Amino acid sequence: MRTLWSRRVGVPRLKIASELGIAVPCARLARGAVRTARERSGVLPMARKLFVGGLSWNTTQESLMQAFSQFGTVLEAKVITDRETGRSRGFGFVTFRDEASAAQAVAKLDGSQLDGRTIRVSEAHDKEGRGGRFGGGSSQGRY
């Protein structure tokens, strides 16, 4: 990962180029070609990452990985938890090594039962167009 630097020498910015998804020139590519920071950091395409909704509060990362590993190599299985209570928020993400395994898992597991609950499995999407911390809205010319 490459840290973006401000104009003042030695003061790193808070964001990292791979988090921003910006293009940064790469010396090993053909003249004028650029790769995004995400490509250089080895982050997998979203097509290999699946969203799993409707999880039981008792579902663990291990049980999620076990359920999905029958369809291919699972690189990561993550159950999203509440920051304050530590309890599952009822959804998670599973990352496969290849797209064919991910597509097979979606076809077979969407609408199936896991830990007594019907789960929804679909392709994960980037969080785009989300507002800042305090929501959106515009002043519409008001002061």
C-alpha atoms as a PDB file:
ATOM      1  CA  MET A   1       0.000   0.000   0.000  1.00  0.00           C
ATOM      2  CA  ARG A   2       1.166   3.472  -0.746  1.00  0.00           C
ATOM      3  CA  THR A   3       0.510   6.356   1.607  1.00  0.00           C
ATOM      4  CA  LEU A   4      -0.443   9.661   0.074  1.00  0.00           C
ATOM      5  CA  TRP A   5       1.663  12.564   1.290  1.00  0.00           C
ATOM      6  CA  SER A   6       0.618  16.141   1.796  1.00  0.00           C
ATOM      7  CA  ARG A   7       2.559  19.094   0.425  1.00  0.00           C
ATOM      8  CA  ARG A   8       4.357  19.444   3.729  1.00  0.00           C
ATOM      9  CA  VAL A   9       7.199  16.946   3.640  1.00  0.00           C
ATOM     10  CA  GLY A  10       6.902  14.030   6.030  1.00  0.00           C
ATOM     11  CA  VAL A  11       3.245  14.517   6.988  1.00  0.00           C
ATOM     12  CA  PRO A  12       1.199  11.507   5.850  1.00  0.00           C
ATOM     13  CA  ARG A  13      -2.450  11.936   4.957  1.00  0.00           C
ATOM     14  CA  LEU A  14      -5.006   9.857   6.765  1.00  0.00           C
ATOM     15  CA  LYS A  15      -6.240   7.954   3.711  1.00  0.00           C
ATOM     16  CA  ILE A  16      -4.247   5.284   1.913  1.00  0.00           C
ATOM     17  CA  ALA A  17      -4.313   5.151  -1.883  1.00  0.00           C
ATOM     18  CA  SER A  18      -5.821   1.635  -1.917  1.00  0.00           C
ATOM     19  CA  GLU A  19      -8.715   2.778   0.287  1.00  0.00           C
ATOM     20  CA  LEU A  20      -9.455   5.605  -2.093  1.00  0.00           C
ATOM     21  CA  GLY A  21      -9.270   3.371  -5.184  1.00  0.00           C
ATOM     22  CA  ILE A  22      -7.302   5.979  -7.110  1.00  0.00           C
ATOM     23  CA  ALA A  23      -4.967   5.336 -10.015  1.00  0.00           C
ATOM     24  CA  VAL A  24      -1.269   5.682  -9.284  1.00  0.00           C
ATOM     25  CA  PRO A  25       1.373   5.389 -12.055  1.00  0.00           C
ATOM     26  CA  CYS A  26       3.281   2.112 -11.988  1.00  0.00           C
ATOM     27  CA  ALA A  27       6.784   1.967 -13.460  1.00  0.00           C
ATOM     28  CA  ARG A  28       6.512  -1.673 -14.611  1.00  0.00           C
ATOM     29  CA  LEU A  29       3.593  -1.062 -16.973  1.00  0.00           C
ATOM     30  CA  ALA A  30       3.730   0.242 -20.521  1.00  0.00           C
ATOM     31  CA  ARG A  31       4.353   3.935 -20.904  1.00  0.00           C
ATOM     32  CA  GLY A  32       1.370   5.976 -19.780  1.00  0.00           C
ATOM     33  CA  ALA A  33      -0.494   2.979 -18.304  1.00  0.00           C
ATOM     34  CA  VAL A  34      -1.651   3.088 -14.716  1.00  0.00           C
ATOM     35  CA  ARG A  35      -3.002   0.548 -12.283  1.00  0.00           C
ATOM     36  CA  THR A  36      -5.302   1.437  -9.465  1.00  0.00           C
ATOM     37  CA  ALA A  37      -3.950   1.143  -5.960  1.00  0.00           C
ATOM     38  CA  ARG A  38      -6.504  -1.622  -5.350  1.00  0.00           C
ATOM     39  CA  GLU A  39      -5.029  -3.694  -8.198  1.00  0.00           C
ATOM     40  CA  ARG A  40      -1.483  -3.205  -6.914  1.00  0.00           C
ATOM     41  CA  SER A  41      -2.389  -4.094  -3.345  1.00  0.00           C
ATOM     42  CA  GLY A  42      -3.769  -7.471  -4.409  1.00  0.00           C
ATOM     43  CA  VAL A  43      -7.344  -6.790  -3.259  1.00  0.00           C
ATOM     44  CA  LEU A  44      -9.647  -9.305  -4.913  1.00  0.00           C
ATOM     45  CA  PRO A  45     -12.435  -8.212  -7.238  1.00  0.00           C
ATOM     46  CA  MET A  46     -15.847  -7.899  -5.586  1.00  0.00           C
ATOM     47  CA  ALA A  47     -17.224 -10.708  -7.793  1.00  0.00           C
ATOM     48  CA  ARG A  48     -15.400 -13.180  -5.544  1.00  0.00           C
ATOM     49  CA  LYS A  49     -16.793 -11.669  -2.360  1.00  0.00           C
ATOM     50  CA  LEU A  50     -20.288 -12.686  -1.280  1.00  0.00           C
ATOM     51  CA  PHE A  51     -22.745 -10.991   1.059  1.00  0.00           C
ATOM     52  CA  VAL A  52     -24.515 -13.375   3.443  1.00  0.00           C
ATOM     53  CA  GLY A  53     -27.608 -11.966   5.170  1.00  0.00           C
ATOM     54  CA  GLY A  54     -30.081 -13.363   7.670  1.00  0.00           C
ATOM     55  CA  LEU A  55     -27.443 -15.026   9.847  1.00  0.00           C
ATOM     56  CA  SER A  56     -28.288 -16.282  13.305  1.00  0.00           C
ATOM     57  CA  TRP A  57     -26.700 -14.472  16.232  1.00  0.00           C
ATOM     58  CA  ASN A  58     -25.051 -17.808  17.052  1.00  0.00           C
ATOM     59  CA  THR A  59     -23.296 -18.122  13.680  1.00  0.00           C
ATOM     60  CA  THR A  60     -19.514 -17.904  13.992  1.00  0.00           C
ATOM     61  CA  GLN A  61     -16.852 -17.236  11.383  1.00  0.00           C
ATOM     62  CA  GLU A  62     -15.823 -20.889  11.612  1.00  0.00           C
ATOM     63  CA  SER A  63     -19.343 -22.208  10.943  1.00  0.00           C
ATOM     64  CA  LEU A  64     -19.742 -19.738   8.069  1.00  0.00           C
ATOM     65  CA  MET A  65     -16.454 -20.886   6.550  1.00  0.00           C
ATOM     66  CA  GLN A  66     -17.427 -24.534   6.977  1.00  0.00           C
ATOM     67  CA  ALA A  67     -20.781 -24.020   5.236  1.00  0.00           C
ATOM     68  CA  PHE A  68     -19.195 -22.317   2.213  1.00  0.00           C
ATOM     69  CA  SER A  69     -15.990 -24.381   1.923  1.00  0.00           C
ATOM     70  CA  GLN A  70     -17.855 -27.236   0.203  1.00  0.00           C
ATOM     71  CA  PHE A  71     -18.008 -25.084  -2.946  1.00  0.00           C
ATOM     72  CA  GLY A  72     -14.332 -24.129  -3.182  1.00  0.00           C
ATOM     73  CA  THR A  73     -11.412 -22.519  -1.396  1.00  0.00           C
ATOM     74  CA  VAL A  74     -12.630 -19.875   1.056  1.00  0.00           C
ATOM     75  CA  LEU A  75     -10.033 -17.181   1.675  1.00  0.00           C
ATOM     76  CA  GLU A  76     -12.011 -15.346   4.358  1.00  0.00           C
ATOM     77  CA  ALA A  77     -15.303 -15.686   6.184  1.00  0.00           C
ATOM     78  CA  LYS A  78     -16.301 -12.740   8.360  1.00  0.00           C
ATOM     79  CA  VAL A  79     -19.354 -12.274  10.566  1.00  0.00           C
ATOM     80  CA  ILE A  80     -19.975  -8.571  11.202  1.00  0.00           C
ATOM     81  CA  THR A  81     -20.441  -7.807  14.886  1.00  0.00           C
ATOM     82  CA  ASP A  82     -21.757  -4.839  16.842  1.00  0.00           C
ATOM     83  CA  ARG A  83     -18.940  -2.665  18.224  1.00  0.00           C
ATOM     84  CA  GLU A  84     -20.518  -2.190  21.616  1.00  0.00           C
ATOM     85  CA  THR A  85     -22.075  -5.588  22.377  1.00  0.00           C
ATOM     86  CA  GLY A  86     -19.870  -7.862  20.276  1.00  0.00           C
ATOM     87  CA  ARG A  87     -23.004  -9.711  19.121  1.00  0.00           C
ATOM     88  CA  SER A  88     -23.502 -10.609  15.453  1.00  0.00           C
ATOM     89  CA  ARG A  89     -25.360  -8.009  13.382  1.00  0.00           C
ATOM     90  CA  GLY A  90     -26.923 -10.787  11.305  1.00  0.00           C
ATOM     91  CA  PHE A  91     -24.793 -10.564   8.181  1.00  0.00           C
ATOM     92  CA  GLY A  92     -21.318 -11.367   6.959  1.00  0.00           C
ATOM     93  CA  PHE A  93     -19.038 -11.763   3.969  1.00  0.00           C
ATOM     94  CA  VAL A  94     -17.318 -14.762   2.384  1.00  0.00           C
ATOM     95  CA  THR A  95     -14.413 -14.400  -0.056  1.00  0.00           C
ATOM     96  CA  PHE A  96     -13.605 -17.205  -2.510  1.00  0.00           C
ATOM     97  CA  ARG A  97     -10.392 -17.823  -4.416  1.00  0.00           C
ATOM     98  CA  ASP A  98     -12.205 -18.008  -7.785  1.00  0.00           C
ATOM     99  CA  GLU A  99     -15.392 -16.649  -9.307  1.00  0.00           C
ATOM    100  CA  ALA A 100     -16.789 -20.048 -10.355  1.00  0.00           C
ATOM    101  CA  SER A 101     -16.866 -21.248  -6.743  1.00  0.00           C
ATOM    102  CA  ALA A 102     -18.551 -18.033  -5.651  1.00  0.00           C
ATOM    103  CA  ALA A 103     -21.223 -18.361  -8.343  1.00  0.00           C
ATOM    104  CA  GLN A 104     -21.871 -21.984  -7.364  1.00  0.00           C
ATOM    105  CA  ALA A 105     -22.214 -21.028  -3.689  1.00  0.00           C
ATOM    106  CA  VAL A 106     -24.740 -18.303  -4.533  1.00  0.00           C
ATOM    107  CA  ALA A 107     -26.789 -20.737  -6.623  1.00  0.00           C
ATOM    108  CA  LYS A 108     -26.833 -23.476  -3.978  1.00  0.00           C
ATOM    109  CA  LEU A 109     -26.941 -21.575  -0.663  1.00  0.00           C
ATOM    110  CA  ASP A 110     -29.254 -18.626  -1.386  1.00  0.00           C
ATOM    111  CA  GLY A 111     -32.476 -19.411   0.491  1.00  0.00           C
ATOM    112  CA  SER A 112     -30.981 -22.363   2.376  1.00  0.00           C
ATOM    113  CA  GLN A 113     -30.863 -22.919   6.155  1.00  0.00           C
ATOM    114  CA  LEU A 114     -27.828 -22.162   8.328  1.00  0.00           C
ATOM    115  CA  ASP A 115     -28.023 -22.430  12.121  1.00  0.00           C
ATOM    116  CA  GLY A 116     -31.821 -22.552  11.939  1.00  0.00           C
ATOM    117  CA  ARG A 117     -32.246 -19.402   9.806  1.00  0.00           C
ATOM    118  CA  THR A 118     -32.887 -18.896   6.105  1.00  0.00           C
ATOM    119  CA  ILE A 119     -29.894 -17.061   4.656  1.00  0.00           C
ATOM    120  CA  ARG A 120     -29.621 -14.764   1.656  1.00  0.00           C
ATOM    121  CA  VAL A 121     -26.453 -15.077  -0.413  1.00  0.00           C
ATOM    122  CA  SER A 122     -25.554 -12.621  -3.167  1.00  0.00           C
ATOM    123  CA  GLU A 123     -22.587 -10.914  -4.751  1.00  0.00           C
ATOM    124  CA  ALA A 124     -21.167  -8.184  -2.519  1.00  0.00           C
ATOM    125  CA  HIS A 125     -21.068  -4.603  -3.834  1.00  0.00           C
ATOM    126  CA  ASP A 126     -18.804  -1.689  -2.954  1.00  0.00           C
ATOM    127  CA  LYS A 127     -20.209   0.957  -0.654  1.00  0.00           C
ATOM    128  CA  GLU A 128     -20.628   3.763  -3.164  1.00  0.00           C
ATOM    129  CA  GLY A 129     -22.651   6.915  -2.880  1.00  0.00           C
ATOM    130  CA  ARG A 130     -22.990   6.750   0.866  1.00  0.00           C
ATOM    131  CA  GLY A 131     -23.015  10.087   2.632  1.00  0.00           C
ATOM    132  CA  GLY A 132     -20.723  11.212   5.370  1.00  0.00           C
ATOM    133  CA  ARG A 133     -21.150  10.606   9.055  1.00  0.00           C
ATOM    134  CA  PHE A 134     -24.050  13.016   9.465  1.00  0.00           C
ATOM    135  CA  GLY A 135     -26.073  12.024   6.421  1.00  0.00           C
ATOM    136  CA  GLY A 136     -26.753  13.817   3.207  1.00  0.00           C
ATOM    137  CA  GLY A 137     -28.941  16.596   2.087  1.00  0.00           C
ATOM    138  CA  SER A 138     -28.083  19.936   0.691  1.00  0.00           C
ATOM    139  CA  SER A 139     -28.627  23.441   1.847  1.00  0.00           C
ATOM    140  CA  GLN A 140     -30.276  24.291  -1.509  1.00  0.00           C
ATOM    141  CA  GLY A 141     -28.884  27.793  -1.493  1.00  0.00           C
ATOM    142  CA  ARG A 142     -29.745  28.504   2.152  1.00  0.00           C
ATOM    143  CA  TYR A 143     -27.169  29.877   4.555  1.00  0.00           C
END
